[in-house]
Protein backbone atom coordinates (compact mmCIF):
# COMPACT_ATOMS: atom_id res chain seq x y z
CA MET A 1 -29.48 -20.71 -22.56
CA VAL A 2 -32.43 -20.60 -25.01
CA LEU A 3 -32.07 -18.27 -28.02
CA LEU A 4 -35.20 -16.83 -29.60
CA THR A 5 -35.17 -16.53 -33.42
CA ARG A 6 -37.70 -16.10 -36.20
CA SER A 7 -37.12 -19.49 -37.85
CA ARG A 8 -39.97 -22.00 -38.10
CA VAL A 9 -39.00 -24.25 -35.24
CA HIS A 10 -41.48 -25.91 -32.90
CA TRP A 11 -40.45 -25.04 -29.34
CA ARG A 12 -41.74 -26.06 -25.99
CA LEU A 13 -41.20 -22.98 -23.76
CA PRO A 14 -42.10 -22.66 -20.07
CA SER A 15 -45.59 -21.27 -19.46
CA SER A 16 -44.16 -18.33 -17.49
CA LEU A 17 -42.03 -17.31 -20.47
CA TRP A 18 -45.04 -17.58 -22.83
CA ALA A 19 -47.05 -15.41 -20.44
CA ALA A 20 -44.37 -12.71 -20.51
CA ILE A 21 -44.20 -12.86 -24.31
CA VAL A 22 -47.98 -12.67 -24.66
CA LEU A 23 -48.15 -9.70 -22.29
CA THR A 24 -45.46 -7.89 -24.26
CA ALA A 25 -47.23 -8.65 -27.52
CA LEU A 26 -50.52 -7.27 -26.20
CA VAL A 27 -48.81 -4.03 -25.32
CA VAL A 28 -47.28 -3.87 -28.78
CA GLY A 29 -50.68 -4.74 -30.32
CA CYS A 30 -52.32 -1.81 -28.62
CA GLU A 31 -49.88 0.41 -30.45
CA GLY A 32 -51.00 -0.76 -33.90
CA ALA A 33 -49.90 -4.36 -34.31
CA PRO A 34 -51.71 -6.26 -37.11
CA GLN A 35 -54.75 -8.29 -36.08
CA SER A 36 -54.76 -11.01 -38.75
CA THR A 37 -52.68 -12.72 -41.38
CA SER A 38 -52.48 -11.36 -44.89
CA SER A 39 -54.96 -13.96 -46.21
CA GLY A 40 -57.64 -12.83 -43.80
CA ALA A 41 -57.96 -16.38 -42.41
CA PRO A 42 -57.61 -16.98 -38.66
CA PRO A 43 -53.99 -17.83 -37.84
CA SER A 44 -53.03 -21.30 -36.71
CA GLU A 45 -51.71 -21.86 -33.16
CA LEU A 46 -48.11 -22.05 -34.40
CA GLU A 47 -48.54 -18.93 -36.57
CA SER A 48 -50.04 -17.09 -33.62
CA GLN A 49 -47.04 -17.99 -31.44
CA GLU A 50 -44.61 -16.85 -34.14
CA LEU A 51 -46.52 -13.61 -34.62
CA LEU A 52 -46.31 -12.91 -30.91
CA LEU A 53 -42.58 -13.61 -30.95
CA ASP A 54 -42.08 -11.28 -33.94
CA GLN A 55 -43.92 -8.49 -32.16
CA ALA A 56 -42.31 -9.03 -28.75
CA ILE A 57 -38.70 -9.34 -29.90
CA GLU A 58 -37.42 -6.30 -31.75
CA PRO A 59 -34.39 -6.72 -34.04
CA GLU A 60 -31.17 -5.73 -32.29
CA ALA A 61 -29.63 -2.50 -33.49
CA PRO A 62 -26.07 -2.95 -34.80
CA LEU A 63 -23.39 -2.35 -32.15
CA PRO A 64 -21.37 0.83 -32.51
CA ASP A 65 -17.68 0.37 -33.35
CA ASP A 66 -16.53 1.08 -29.79
CA ALA A 67 -18.93 -1.50 -28.32
CA THR A 68 -17.88 -4.56 -30.31
CA GLN A 69 -15.52 -5.86 -27.61
CA ALA A 70 -16.51 -8.86 -25.51
CA PRO A 71 -17.89 -8.24 -22.01
CA ASP A 72 -15.43 -7.71 -19.20
CA PHE A 73 -14.78 -11.13 -17.64
CA ASN A 74 -12.29 -12.00 -14.94
CA THR A 75 -9.33 -13.52 -16.73
CA GLU A 76 -6.75 -13.35 -13.96
CA GLU A 77 -4.21 -16.17 -14.20
CA TYR A 78 -2.26 -17.91 -11.45
CA ASP A 79 -0.03 -20.92 -11.85
CA ARG A 80 -1.17 -24.02 -10.01
CA ILE A 81 0.84 -24.50 -6.81
CA TYR A 82 1.52 -28.05 -5.70
CA GLU A 83 2.62 -27.70 -2.10
CA ASN A 84 5.95 -29.18 -1.13
CA PRO A 85 5.37 -32.53 0.62
CA PHE A 86 7.32 -34.00 3.50
CA MET A 87 10.48 -35.64 2.20
CA ALA A 88 12.03 -38.64 3.96
CA VAL A 89 15.62 -37.75 4.81
CA VAL A 90 16.85 -41.30 4.25
CA GLN A 91 15.83 -41.09 0.59
CA GLU A 92 16.07 -37.31 -0.02
CA PRO A 93 18.60 -35.75 2.35
CA LEU A 94 19.20 -32.64 0.16
CA SER A 95 16.88 -29.68 -0.21
CA THR A 96 17.97 -27.19 -2.89
CA PHE A 97 16.28 -23.95 -3.94
CA SER A 98 16.80 -20.43 -5.20
CA ILE A 99 16.08 -17.44 -2.98
CA ASP A 100 13.06 -15.27 -3.80
CA VAL A 101 12.68 -11.61 -2.82
CA ASP A 102 9.39 -11.02 -4.67
CA THR A 103 6.55 -9.51 -2.65
CA ALA A 104 3.73 -9.42 -5.24
CA SER A 105 1.69 -12.23 -3.69
CA TYR A 106 1.32 -10.42 -0.37
CA ALA A 107 0.10 -7.15 -1.92
CA ASN A 108 -2.24 -9.06 -4.24
CA THR A 109 -3.60 -11.07 -1.29
CA ARG A 110 -4.19 -7.80 0.56
CA ARG A 111 -6.10 -6.51 -2.48
CA PHE A 112 -8.49 -9.48 -2.35
CA LEU A 113 -9.05 -9.17 1.39
CA THR A 114 -9.72 -5.44 1.27
CA GLU A 115 -12.29 -6.19 -1.46
CA ASN A 116 -13.96 -8.55 1.05
CA ARG A 117 -12.89 -11.65 -0.85
CA LEU A 118 -10.61 -14.52 0.05
CA PRO A 119 -7.82 -14.89 -2.51
CA PRO A 120 -7.64 -17.93 -4.79
CA PRO A 121 -5.32 -20.50 -3.17
CA ASP A 122 -2.87 -20.30 -6.07
CA ALA A 123 -2.50 -16.54 -5.57
CA VAL A 124 -0.98 -17.23 -2.14
CA ARG A 125 2.75 -17.95 -2.29
CA LEU A 126 4.04 -18.47 1.24
CA GLU A 127 7.57 -17.25 0.60
CA GLU A 128 6.31 -13.94 -0.80
CA LEU A 129 4.05 -13.40 2.20
CA ILE A 130 6.93 -14.05 4.60
CA ASN A 131 9.47 -11.97 2.64
CA TYR A 132 7.17 -8.97 2.34
CA PHE A 133 8.43 -8.06 5.81
CA SER A 134 11.91 -7.19 6.98
CA TYR A 135 13.33 -8.94 10.04
CA ASP A 136 15.81 -8.00 12.72
CA TYR A 137 18.71 -10.01 11.33
CA PRO A 138 22.24 -8.68 11.95
CA GLN A 139 24.13 -6.77 9.28
CA PRO A 140 26.99 -8.73 7.65
CA THR A 141 30.43 -8.30 9.21
CA GLY A 142 32.59 -10.59 7.05
CA ASP A 143 33.52 -10.69 3.39
CA GLU A 144 30.09 -11.86 2.24
CA PRO A 145 27.48 -9.19 1.39
CA PHE A 146 24.92 -10.85 3.68
CA SER A 147 24.60 -12.45 7.10
CA ILE A 148 23.03 -15.86 7.85
CA THR A 149 20.71 -16.46 10.83
CA THR A 150 19.32 -19.85 11.88
CA GLU A 151 16.86 -20.85 14.59
CA LEU A 152 14.94 -23.98 15.63
CA THR A 153 11.82 -24.23 17.79
CA VAL A 154 8.51 -26.07 18.12
CA ALA A 155 6.18 -25.73 15.11
CA PRO A 156 3.25 -23.61 16.38
CA TRP A 157 0.57 -25.40 14.35
CA ASN A 158 1.90 -28.90 15.11
CA PRO A 159 3.65 -29.34 18.49
CA GLU A 160 4.94 -32.77 17.42
CA HIS A 161 7.04 -31.10 14.72
CA GLU A 162 9.82 -28.52 14.74
CA LEU A 163 10.26 -25.32 12.75
CA LEU A 164 13.61 -24.28 11.27
CA LEU A 165 14.27 -20.69 10.20
CA VAL A 166 17.05 -19.71 7.79
CA GLY A 167 17.38 -15.96 7.34
CA LEU A 168 19.65 -13.91 5.05
CA GLN A 169 20.22 -10.20 5.58
CA GLY A 170 21.63 -8.19 2.69
CA GLN A 171 24.06 -5.39 3.39
CA GLN A 172 22.32 -2.07 3.88
CA LEU A 173 23.52 0.80 1.69
CA ASP A 174 22.83 4.48 2.33
CA THR A 175 20.95 6.09 -0.54
CA GLU A 176 23.58 8.85 -0.61
CA VAL A 177 26.27 6.37 -1.67
CA LEU A 178 24.26 4.34 -4.17
CA PRO A 179 25.91 4.07 -7.61
CA PRO A 180 24.36 6.05 -10.50
CA ASN A 181 21.27 4.62 -12.18
CA ASN A 182 20.63 3.79 -15.81
CA LEU A 183 16.88 3.17 -15.62
CA VAL A 184 14.64 2.38 -18.56
CA PHE A 185 10.95 2.37 -17.72
CA LEU A 186 8.97 0.07 -20.00
CA LEU A 187 5.36 1.11 -19.51
CA ASP A 188 2.25 -0.64 -20.80
CA VAL A 189 -0.12 2.00 -22.22
CA SER A 190 -2.44 -0.40 -24.03
CA GLY A 191 -6.22 -0.17 -23.79
CA SER A 192 -6.37 -2.66 -20.93
CA MET A 193 -4.44 -0.15 -18.77
CA ASP A 194 -7.17 2.50 -19.07
CA GLU A 195 -8.48 2.06 -15.52
CA PRO A 196 -7.88 4.14 -12.36
CA ASN A 197 -5.92 1.35 -10.64
CA LYS A 198 -3.65 0.88 -13.65
CA LEU A 199 -2.14 3.69 -15.74
CA PRO A 200 -3.07 6.60 -13.42
CA LEU A 201 -1.63 4.71 -10.42
CA LEU A 202 1.44 3.78 -12.44
CA LYS A 203 2.08 7.39 -13.46
CA ALA A 204 1.90 8.51 -9.83
CA ALA A 205 4.23 5.67 -8.80
CA ILE A 206 6.85 6.47 -11.45
CA LYS A 207 6.80 10.11 -10.37
CA LEU A 208 7.73 9.04 -6.83
CA LEU A 209 10.83 7.26 -8.10
CA ALA A 210 11.72 9.97 -10.62
CA GLU A 211 11.85 12.50 -7.79
CA GLN A 212 14.59 10.44 -6.10
CA MET A 213 16.94 10.71 -9.08
CA ASP A 214 19.87 13.15 -9.37
CA ALA A 215 22.20 14.49 -12.07
CA ASP A 216 24.30 11.29 -12.26
CA ASP A 217 21.27 9.16 -13.03
CA ARG A 218 19.77 8.55 -16.48
CA VAL A 219 16.05 7.92 -17.01
CA ALA A 220 14.40 6.80 -20.27
CA ILE A 221 10.79 5.84 -20.96
CA VAL A 222 9.67 3.27 -23.52
CA VAL A 223 5.96 2.65 -24.00
CA TYR A 224 4.17 -0.13 -25.82
CA ALA A 225 0.64 -0.55 -27.09
CA GLY A 226 -0.04 -1.38 -30.75
CA ALA A 227 3.66 -0.63 -31.27
CA ALA A 228 6.61 0.22 -29.05
CA GLY A 229 8.19 3.65 -28.94
CA LEU A 230 10.71 5.78 -27.05
CA VAL A 231 8.85 8.73 -25.51
CA LEU A 232 11.70 9.99 -23.32
CA GLU A 233 15.32 9.80 -24.47
CA PRO A 234 17.84 9.00 -21.71
CA THR A 235 17.61 12.13 -19.55
CA PRO A 236 19.62 13.25 -16.49
CA GLY A 237 17.73 12.57 -13.30
CA SER A 238 18.06 16.22 -12.33
CA GLU A 239 15.76 17.18 -15.25
CA THR A 240 12.75 16.39 -13.10
CA SER A 241 10.29 18.65 -14.92
CA GLN A 242 11.10 17.07 -18.29
CA ILE A 243 10.71 13.56 -16.88
CA LEU A 244 7.43 14.39 -15.14
CA ALA A 245 6.07 16.04 -18.29
CA ALA A 246 6.75 12.85 -20.28
CA ILE A 247 4.93 10.83 -17.61
CA ASP A 248 1.95 13.20 -17.57
CA ALA A 249 1.58 12.89 -21.35
CA LEU A 250 1.03 9.12 -21.25
CA GLU A 251 -2.39 7.89 -22.36
CA ALA A 252 -3.82 4.40 -22.70
CA GLY A 253 -5.07 2.91 -25.98
CA GLY A 254 -4.46 0.06 -28.43
CA SER A 255 -3.46 -3.58 -28.06
CA THR A 256 -0.39 -4.84 -26.27
CA ALA A 257 2.89 -5.47 -28.14
CA GLY A 258 4.83 -6.59 -25.07
CA GLY A 259 7.66 -8.40 -26.80
CA ALA A 260 8.55 -5.43 -29.04
CA GLY A 261 8.61 -3.13 -26.02
CA ILE A 262 10.96 -5.40 -24.09
CA GLU A 263 13.34 -5.55 -27.06
CA LEU A 264 13.43 -1.76 -27.42
CA ALA A 265 13.84 -1.14 -23.68
CA TYR A 266 16.82 -3.52 -23.47
CA GLN A 267 18.35 -1.85 -26.52
CA VAL A 268 18.09 1.59 -24.89
CA ALA A 269 19.50 0.28 -21.61
CA LYS A 270 22.42 -1.38 -23.37
CA GLU A 271 23.27 1.72 -25.42
CA ASN A 272 23.49 3.75 -22.19
CA PHE A 273 25.11 1.05 -20.05
CA LEU A 274 26.97 2.28 -16.94
CA PRO A 275 29.83 -0.13 -16.15
CA GLU A 276 30.00 1.07 -12.53
CA GLY A 277 26.32 1.83 -12.15
CA ILE A 278 22.89 0.26 -11.77
CA ASN A 279 21.47 -0.88 -15.11
CA ARG A 280 17.84 -1.89 -14.80
CA GLU A 281 14.70 -2.16 -16.88
CA ILE A 282 11.46 -1.53 -14.98
CA LEU A 283 8.50 -3.21 -16.68
CA ALA A 284 5.06 -2.05 -15.50
CA THR A 285 1.97 -3.82 -16.84
CA ASP A 286 -1.12 -5.86 -16.07
CA GLY A 287 0.58 -8.63 -18.07
CA ASP A 288 -2.13 -8.81 -20.72
CA PHE A 289 0.20 -9.30 -23.72
CA ILE A 290 -1.81 -10.10 -26.85
CA VAL A 291 0.31 -8.91 -29.80
CA GLY A 292 3.73 -10.08 -30.99
CA ALA A 293 5.89 -12.26 -28.75
CA SER A 294 3.27 -12.95 -26.11
CA SER A 295 3.32 -16.62 -25.14
CA ASP A 296 5.02 -17.33 -21.85
CA GLY A 297 7.70 -19.38 -23.62
CA GLU A 298 8.53 -16.67 -26.17
CA LEU A 299 8.73 -13.92 -23.57
CA VAL A 300 10.81 -15.99 -21.16
CA ARG A 301 13.30 -16.87 -23.91
CA LEU A 302 13.48 -13.20 -24.84
CA ILE A 303 14.26 -12.22 -21.22
CA GLU A 304 16.78 -15.05 -20.77
CA GLY A 305 18.65 -13.87 -23.82
CA LYS A 306 19.12 -10.39 -22.33
CA ARG A 307 20.07 -11.06 -18.72
CA ASP A 308 23.71 -11.84 -19.49
CA ASP A 309 24.15 -8.23 -20.65
CA GLY A 310 24.27 -7.08 -17.03
CA ILE A 311 20.84 -5.46 -17.18
CA PHE A 312 18.52 -6.46 -14.34
CA LEU A 313 14.71 -6.50 -14.47
CA THR A 314 12.05 -5.20 -12.09
CA VAL A 315 8.42 -6.12 -12.83
CA LEU A 316 5.57 -4.02 -11.41
CA GLY A 317 2.10 -5.53 -11.69
CA LEU A 318 -1.11 -3.52 -11.62
CA GLY A 319 -4.85 -3.88 -11.89
CA THR A 320 -7.59 -6.45 -11.51
CA GLY A 321 -9.79 -8.57 -13.73
CA ASN A 322 -7.20 -9.45 -16.38
CA TYR A 323 -4.12 -9.54 -14.12
CA GLN A 324 -1.59 -12.07 -15.46
CA ASP A 325 0.36 -12.95 -12.32
CA SER A 326 1.96 -16.14 -13.58
CA LYS A 327 3.41 -14.47 -16.67
CA MET A 328 4.94 -11.56 -14.77
CA GLU A 329 6.45 -13.78 -12.09
CA GLN A 330 8.15 -15.87 -14.77
CA LEU A 331 9.59 -12.79 -16.45
CA ALA A 332 11.05 -11.49 -13.17
CA ASN A 333 12.45 -14.90 -12.23
CA LYS A 334 14.17 -15.35 -15.59
CA GLY A 335 15.43 -11.78 -15.88
CA ASN A 336 17.63 -11.51 -12.76
CA GLY A 337 14.81 -9.49 -11.28
CA ASN A 338 12.22 -8.87 -8.63
CA TYR A 339 8.45 -8.61 -8.80
CA ALA A 340 6.04 -6.38 -6.88
CA TYR A 341 2.31 -5.75 -7.17
CA LEU A 342 1.10 -2.17 -6.78
CA ASP A 343 -2.38 -2.13 -5.26
CA SER A 344 -2.00 1.42 -3.93
CA LEU A 345 0.28 4.45 -4.01
CA LEU A 346 1.53 3.49 -0.54
CA GLU A 347 2.71 0.15 -1.89
CA ALA A 348 4.42 2.00 -4.75
CA LYS A 349 6.22 4.16 -2.19
CA LYS A 350 7.34 1.06 -0.29
CA ALA A 351 8.76 -0.63 -3.39
CA LEU A 352 10.24 2.39 -5.18
CA VAL A 353 11.21 4.82 -2.42
CA THR A 354 11.39 3.25 1.04
CA GLU A 355 13.06 0.08 -0.26
CA MET A 356 14.63 1.66 -3.34
CA GLY A 357 18.05 0.15 -2.61
CA GLY A 358 16.65 -3.37 -2.38
CA THR A 359 14.54 -2.92 -5.51
CA LEU A 360 17.24 -1.39 -7.70
CA VAL A 361 20.65 -2.42 -6.31
CA ALA A 362 21.67 -6.08 -6.54
CA ILE A 363 24.45 -7.03 -4.12
CA ALA A 364 24.48 -10.72 -5.08
CA LYS A 365 22.96 -12.75 -7.90
CA ASP A 366 22.21 -16.42 -8.56
CA VAL A 367 21.85 -17.06 -4.83
CA LYS A 368 21.13 -20.72 -4.07
CA LEU A 369 20.72 -22.65 -0.83
CA GLN A 370 21.25 -26.34 -0.22
CA ILE A 371 20.59 -28.04 3.10
CA GLU A 372 21.66 -31.59 3.90
CA PHE A 373 19.70 -33.03 6.81
CA ASN A 374 21.15 -35.69 9.11
CA PRO A 375 18.80 -38.73 9.19
CA ALA A 376 19.95 -39.47 12.74
CA GLU A 377 18.31 -36.18 13.79
CA VAL A 378 15.57 -35.51 11.23
CA LYS A 379 13.09 -38.06 9.90
CA ALA A 380 11.47 -35.81 7.28
CA TYR A 381 11.34 -32.16 6.26
CA ARG A 382 9.05 -29.86 4.32
CA LEU A 383 10.06 -26.51 2.81
CA LEU A 384 7.27 -23.95 3.22
CA GLY A 385 6.75 -22.19 -0.10
CA TYR A 386 9.37 -21.72 -2.84
CA GLU A 387 7.55 -24.32 -4.95
CA ASN A 388 8.51 -22.61 -8.20
CA ARG A 389 12.06 -21.98 -6.99
CA LEU A 390 13.09 -25.58 -6.35
CA LEU A 391 16.30 -26.80 -7.97
CA GLU A 392 17.76 -30.21 -8.64
CA ALA A 393 20.57 -31.16 -6.26
CA GLN A 394 23.15 -30.99 -9.03
CA ASP A 395 22.01 -27.47 -9.98
CA PHE A 396 23.61 -26.14 -6.82
CA ASN A 397 27.12 -26.52 -8.25
CA ASP A 398 26.16 -25.54 -11.79
CA ASP A 399 27.01 -21.88 -12.36
CA GLN A 400 24.97 -21.92 -15.57
CA LYS A 401 21.75 -22.44 -13.60
CA ASP A 402 19.90 -19.19 -12.91
CA ALA A 403 18.75 -18.26 -9.41
CA GLY A 404 17.43 -15.24 -7.51
CA GLU A 405 19.12 -11.93 -6.77
CA LEU A 406 19.56 -10.30 -3.36
CA GLY A 407 19.07 -6.55 -3.16
CA ALA A 408 20.75 -4.10 -0.82
CA GLY A 409 19.03 -4.26 2.55
CA HIS A 410 16.77 -7.13 1.54
CA SER A 411 16.08 -9.90 4.03
CA VAL A 412 15.15 -13.40 2.86
CA THR A 413 13.56 -15.98 5.13
CA ALA A 414 12.95 -19.69 4.54
CA LEU A 415 11.08 -21.97 6.94
CA TYR A 416 11.26 -25.77 7.14
CA GLU A 417 8.84 -27.94 9.09
CA LEU A 418 10.80 -30.91 10.49
CA ILE A 419 9.69 -34.28 11.82
CA PRO A 420 12.27 -35.38 14.45
CA ALA A 421 14.03 -38.70 13.95
CA ASP A 422 12.40 -40.26 17.02
CA SER A 423 8.87 -39.43 15.84
CA ALA A 424 6.42 -42.27 15.24
CA ALA A 425 4.73 -40.28 12.46
CA PRO A 426 4.69 -42.15 9.13
CA VAL A 427 6.50 -40.51 6.23
CA PRO A 428 6.46 -41.33 2.51
CA GLY A 429 9.15 -43.76 1.45
CA VAL A 430 10.23 -46.24 -1.19
CA ASP A 431 10.89 -49.97 -1.14
CA PRO A 432 14.39 -51.09 -0.07
CA LEU A 433 16.95 -50.93 -2.87
CA GLN A 434 18.21 -54.22 -4.25
CA TYR A 435 21.74 -53.25 -5.29
CA GLN A 436 22.98 -50.65 -2.81
CA GLU A 437 22.66 -49.66 0.82
CA SER A 438 22.64 -46.31 2.59
CA THR A 439 24.85 -45.94 5.62
CA VAL A 440 24.27 -43.21 8.20
CA LEU A 441 27.55 -41.83 9.48
CA PRO A 442 27.75 -40.94 13.18
CA SER A 443 27.43 -37.18 13.71
CA ASP A 444 25.91 -34.77 16.20
CA ASP A 445 25.06 -32.31 13.42
CA LEU A 446 21.46 -31.47 12.71
CA LEU A 447 22.24 -30.29 9.20
CA THR A 448 24.80 -28.72 6.90
CA LEU A 449 23.84 -25.43 5.29
CA LYS A 450 25.50 -24.43 2.01
CA LEU A 451 24.97 -21.27 0.01
CA ARG A 452 26.31 -20.18 -3.37
CA TYR A 453 26.21 -16.68 -4.83
CA LYS A 454 27.87 -14.55 -7.50
CA GLN A 455 28.90 -10.93 -7.44
CA PRO A 456 26.44 -8.80 -9.48
CA ASP A 457 28.97 -8.62 -12.34
CA GLY A 458 30.54 -12.05 -11.76
CA ASP A 459 30.27 -15.40 -13.52
CA THR A 460 31.78 -17.70 -10.89
CA SER A 461 29.95 -18.54 -7.69
CA GLN A 462 31.39 -18.47 -4.20
CA LEU A 463 30.55 -21.09 -1.57
CA VAL A 464 29.55 -20.49 2.05
CA GLN A 465 29.12 -23.57 4.26
CA GLN A 466 28.38 -24.26 7.91
CA ALA A 467 27.39 -27.30 9.98
CA LEU A 468 24.75 -26.73 12.67
CA GLN A 469 23.92 -28.71 15.79
CA ARG A 470 20.51 -28.74 17.44
CA GLU A 471 21.61 -27.27 20.77
CA ASP A 472 23.33 -24.37 19.04
CA ILE A 473 20.18 -23.05 17.35
CA TRP A 474 17.35 -24.36 19.57
CA GLN A 475 15.15 -21.70 21.17
CA THR A 476 12.62 -22.77 23.78
CA THR A 477 11.27 -19.23 23.65
CA PRO A 478 11.36 -18.28 19.97
CA SER A 479 12.71 -14.91 18.87
CA GLU A 480 10.47 -12.14 17.53
CA ASN A 481 11.80 -13.01 14.07
CA MET A 482 10.63 -16.61 14.38
CA GLN A 483 7.32 -15.68 15.98
CA PHE A 484 6.35 -13.21 13.28
CA ALA A 485 7.63 -15.24 10.33
CA SER A 486 5.81 -18.34 11.60
CA ALA A 487 2.62 -16.29 12.10
CA VAL A 488 2.75 -15.11 8.47
CA ALA A 489 3.43 -18.68 7.30
CA GLU A 490 0.49 -20.02 9.33
CA PHE A 491 -1.70 -17.27 7.85
CA GLY A 492 -0.71 -18.49 4.38
CA LEU A 493 -1.48 -22.11 5.27
CA LEU A 494 -4.97 -21.07 6.32
CA LEU A 495 -5.59 -18.97 3.20
CA ARG A 496 -4.50 -21.91 1.04
CA ASN A 497 -6.51 -24.35 3.18
CA SER A 498 -3.32 -26.39 3.12
CA GLU A 499 -3.41 -30.09 3.81
CA TYR A 500 -0.48 -29.39 6.14
CA LYS A 501 -2.19 -26.71 8.25
CA ALA A 502 -2.80 -29.16 11.15
CA ASP A 503 -3.97 -27.02 14.12
CA ALA A 504 -3.43 -23.66 12.39
CA ASP A 505 -5.83 -21.02 13.65
CA TYR A 506 -6.42 -17.34 12.85
CA GLU A 507 -6.63 -16.40 16.51
CA ALA A 508 -3.24 -18.00 17.21
CA VAL A 509 -1.80 -16.16 14.19
CA PHE A 510 -3.13 -12.83 15.47
CA ILE A 511 -1.83 -13.31 19.02
CA ARG A 512 1.64 -14.39 17.93
CA ALA A 513 1.94 -11.61 15.34
CA ALA A 514 0.76 -8.99 17.84
CA GLN A 515 3.28 -10.17 20.43
CA SER A 516 6.14 -9.96 17.91
CA ARG A 517 5.11 -6.75 16.13
CA GLY A 518 8.31 -4.97 17.19
CA ALA A 519 9.11 -1.37 16.26
CA ASP A 520 7.06 -1.49 13.01
CA PHE A 521 8.10 2.01 11.89
CA TYR A 522 6.03 1.96 8.67
CA GLY A 523 3.04 0.09 10.10
CA TYR A 524 3.30 -2.94 7.82
CA ARG A 525 2.89 -5.41 10.68
CA ALA A 526 -0.05 -3.51 12.14
CA GLU A 527 -1.73 -3.73 8.75
CA PHE A 528 -1.03 -7.48 8.73
CA LEU A 529 -3.02 -7.82 11.96
CA ASP A 530 -5.99 -6.16 10.25
CA LEU A 531 -5.73 -8.57 7.33
CA VAL A 532 -5.69 -11.56 9.70
CA GLN A 533 -8.94 -10.39 11.27
CA GLN A 534 -10.47 -9.75 7.85
CA ALA A 535 -9.53 -13.22 6.60
CA ASP A 536 -10.88 -14.80 9.79
CA LEU A 537 -14.27 -13.15 9.27
CA LEU A 538 -14.43 -14.00 5.57
CA SER A 539 -13.59 -17.65 6.20
CA ARG A 540 -16.49 -18.26 8.58
């Protein structure tokens, strides 16, 4: 960019620009511009050019105080996703990861598509797309608070591979029998929230949840902007008018002291702790922390230091332009929490009313899965998604290692793409070891599935383990669960333009999803079909 100034500098400007300047100067001259220099002598060529510049370029008036901020640029942040590669079973037989019940990526992806834009690849997290939907898994019947479903079929986008589904279904609880709530809303009311899709939407969303509370519940509201403050003392849920009045009074303004707000909200929650109830902080923000403890590391350490107090965390993201997705996902992951993105009031109703039990009530925490594949049956495997939830193999048995929570009624689905042992496809490997050998033991098992979890108030994990054989879980005609989950996964592969998408195709996604739509009481799957068509058109 060329900047015009009044200093004596010899410039070479394009003739078109000089023509525009001369024309402007002539107009100014007609209104009384001086015709000669002060000496009366004809001006030189350089002096004439400078005179024209002086006349054509008026000094800029000083900016008013409220206009000194920088222009509005898009500063949304997403962590780089390095897709899970295929792992050779001979070298890496164990796959270990934490469950993830977040749904923010799906709602955020929908926001991009409805704005007629394809989402950035790093905004698309496959596991959050898949787990946005509930599946027809059976309710648990044993001692565990969840059931486990497994299924194996041909991978739709690569017929030479197979697709393994592992599904967990959390126990459903009636809202009438939910334990009492100790909820502390931590609401961002900084200047960056002063947009229709931020604070006004948030206020409407919180009202929806507040109207579900009763006399046994306690609701408090902490806000943060330039400083943090308690605007609603812990109040019985039956005092709806008082709670709604506090929400209505919220206004946006100031910078964002996120760390101070988190500290105060945890303090209020701890002072009103319900030993037999639900103790949860609900943080709602665009994530644009700029004052106080604001670096990802500082905030994560702050959250980690509070989670052992038995207070869980829900993070609600809002807005566009400066949306800090990566920061909010980290906070939820480290705070025994879940993370949703509110792009509409309908999405707020889904997260806070329709699925209130799953959002607020944890039935298991630190839930980890570990699968050991049999190299006699599987040559290589690839976990779809969960890239930021991977664990080291030894972390599975370490009860000090944090993992995801499972909410009441939540379903969690994980998909693996498998290369069968008899496939001629090359897979990554290492040179033969010089000092040890690996021996494959004879077995008809396809894999061994292990799962560890803790009770919501427990410190010691419990182990669930089962060995599975191919013929026991193989489905020539895949179930509706598998069809729809695989359609959503294929959709994600296309949006990410994944190197593993093979023959993935939007038309195939649409057909398979339409065939497996099921009852779809709330219309979420019908909406998915619309998004598939939108993405297909935008990608052409």
